[in-house]
Protein backbone atom coordinates (compact mmCIF):
# COMPACT_ATOMS: atom_id res chain seq x y z
CA MET A 1 31.90 161.37 -36.55
CA ASP A 2 35.08 161.99 -38.48
CA GLU A 3 36.78 159.19 -36.55
CA ASN A 4 34.63 156.62 -38.37
CA PRO A 5 36.69 155.21 -41.24
CA HIS A 6 33.49 154.15 -43.02
CA ASN A 7 32.30 157.76 -43.29
CA ASN A 8 34.41 159.03 -46.14
CA THR A 9 33.69 161.91 -48.48
CA ALA A 10 32.29 159.61 -51.17
CA ASP A 11 29.68 158.29 -48.74
CA GLN A 12 28.57 161.84 -47.94
CA THR A 13 27.59 162.48 -51.54
CA VAL A 14 25.56 159.30 -52.01
CA GLU A 15 21.91 159.86 -52.72
CA ILE A 16 19.74 159.15 -49.67
CA LEU A 17 16.45 158.93 -51.53
CA ASN A 18 15.78 158.41 -55.23
CA ASP A 19 13.06 160.96 -55.91
CA GLU A 20 11.71 159.23 -59.00
CA GLN A 21 11.43 155.82 -57.32
CA PHE A 22 9.87 157.37 -54.23
CA GLU A 23 7.27 159.31 -56.22
CA ASP A 24 6.49 156.31 -58.44
CA MET A 25 5.73 154.25 -55.35
CA ARG A 26 3.66 157.09 -53.85
CA ASP A 27 1.64 157.37 -57.09
CA LEU A 28 1.16 153.61 -57.26
CA LEU A 29 -0.03 153.16 -53.68
CA GLU A 30 -1.86 156.47 -53.27
CA GLU A 31 -3.61 156.49 -49.85
CA ASP A 32 -1.81 153.32 -48.72
CA PHE A 33 1.60 154.95 -49.15
CA ALA A 34 1.77 156.44 -45.64
CA ASP A 35 1.06 152.98 -44.18
CA LEU A 36 3.81 151.47 -46.32
CA ILE A 37 6.28 154.08 -45.06
CA GLN A 38 5.41 153.33 -41.44
CA VAL A 39 5.77 149.57 -41.97
CA TYR A 40 9.06 150.07 -43.83
CA LEU A 41 10.54 152.22 -41.06
CA THR A 42 9.37 149.90 -38.27
CA ASP A 43 10.55 146.77 -40.08
CA SER A 44 13.90 148.37 -40.95
CA GLN A 45 14.52 149.29 -37.30
CA GLN A 46 13.78 145.68 -36.31
CA ARG A 47 16.05 144.36 -39.06
CA ILE A 48 18.92 146.54 -37.83
CA HIS A 49 18.38 145.20 -34.31
CA SER A 50 18.46 141.66 -35.74
CA LEU A 51 21.61 142.47 -37.73
CA ARG A 52 23.34 143.57 -34.53
CA ILE A 53 22.43 140.24 -32.92
CA ALA A 54 23.57 138.28 -35.98
CA GLN A 55 26.86 140.18 -35.94
CA GLN A 56 27.42 139.46 -32.24
CA GLN A 57 26.61 135.78 -32.79
CA ASN A 58 28.73 135.56 -35.97
CA ASP A 59 25.61 134.35 -37.82
CA ASN A 60 26.46 135.02 -41.46
CA THR A 61 23.45 133.11 -42.82
CA ASN A 62 20.90 135.10 -40.85
CA GLY A 63 22.84 138.32 -41.44
CA PHE A 64 22.78 137.70 -45.18
CA GLU A 65 19.02 137.06 -45.19
CA ILE A 66 18.27 140.17 -43.11
CA ALA A 67 20.57 142.37 -45.23
CA HIS A 68 18.93 140.97 -48.38
CA ALA A 69 15.43 141.77 -47.08
CA LEU A 70 16.51 145.28 -46.07
CA LYS A 71 18.14 145.83 -49.46
CA GLY A 72 14.98 144.75 -51.29
CA ALA A 73 12.64 146.89 -49.22
CA SER A 74 14.98 149.85 -49.63
CA ALA A 75 15.16 149.34 -53.40
CA ASN A 76 11.36 149.36 -53.65
CA LEU A 77 11.12 152.65 -51.82
CA GLY A 78 14.17 154.27 -53.39
CA THR A 79 16.29 154.63 -50.25
CA THR A 80 19.46 154.17 -52.25
CA GLN A 81 22.04 154.71 -49.51
CA LEU A 82 20.42 152.02 -47.36
CA MET A 83 20.21 149.72 -50.36
CA ARG A 84 23.92 150.18 -51.14
CA LEU A 85 25.06 149.62 -47.54
CA SER A 86 22.81 146.57 -47.16
CA SER A 87 24.30 145.15 -50.34
CA GLN A 88 27.80 145.65 -48.89
CA LEU A 89 26.78 143.79 -45.74
CA GLN A 90 25.32 140.98 -47.83
CA GLU A 91 28.70 140.60 -49.53
CA ARG A 92 30.55 140.55 -46.18
CA CYS A 93 28.16 137.83 -44.97
CA ARG A 94 28.75 135.84 -48.16
CA GLU A 95 32.47 136.09 -47.32
CA GLN A 96 31.70 134.82 -43.77
CA ARG A 97 32.83 138.14 -42.25
CA ILE A 98 29.78 139.42 -40.35
CA SER A 99 31.71 139.32 -37.07
CA GLU A 100 33.88 142.19 -38.39
CA GLN A 101 30.94 144.34 -39.54
CA ALA A 102 29.79 146.24 -36.42
CA ALA A 103 30.80 149.59 -37.98
CA LEU A 104 28.99 148.82 -41.25
CA ILE A 105 25.83 147.89 -39.33
CA GLU A 106 26.04 151.21 -37.48
CA ASP A 107 26.46 152.94 -40.85
CA ILE A 108 23.25 151.19 -41.94
CA ALA A 109 21.49 152.41 -38.79
CA ALA A 110 22.66 155.98 -39.47
CA ALA A 111 21.54 155.71 -43.11
CA LEU A 112 18.09 154.62 -41.91
CA GLN A 113 17.91 157.71 -39.68
CA ARG A 114 18.84 159.93 -42.62
CA ALA A 115 16.31 158.17 -44.85
CA GLU A 116 13.57 158.52 -42.24
CA GLN A 117 14.29 162.23 -41.89
CA THR A 118 14.26 162.73 -45.66
CA ILE A 119 11.07 160.67 -46.09
CA LYS A 120 9.26 162.64 -43.39
CA GLN A 121 10.23 165.89 -45.09
CA ARG A 122 9.01 164.54 -48.43
CA MET A 123 5.72 163.35 -46.93
CA GLU A 124 5.02 166.88 -45.71
CA GLN A 125 5.28 168.25 -49.27
């Protein structure tokens, strides 16, 4: 993984999950929270798949909309690393540069895996 120029030391220290935001949402939704988590994870996987297609098709408009939706869902749940990376992709799409963003999209996919792992650990507590 060290060969990936997007994986620098600063990225390693970024918060994966904002505990306060996560717990606030859990308290708010109570018994519906587990369903929200499942929908979020499923939808996020689909969005990443769609981002890969948008990147291959150089579709900046669709890429922007998908990144925006992923950023918003991630903000609601407190998955800060995903939110930050999605925001970066949104900016690249605004600059009409999605075709160059395959590595960033893979960073988003990896961040989702880390978030899912962290969320599952938190749900067991």
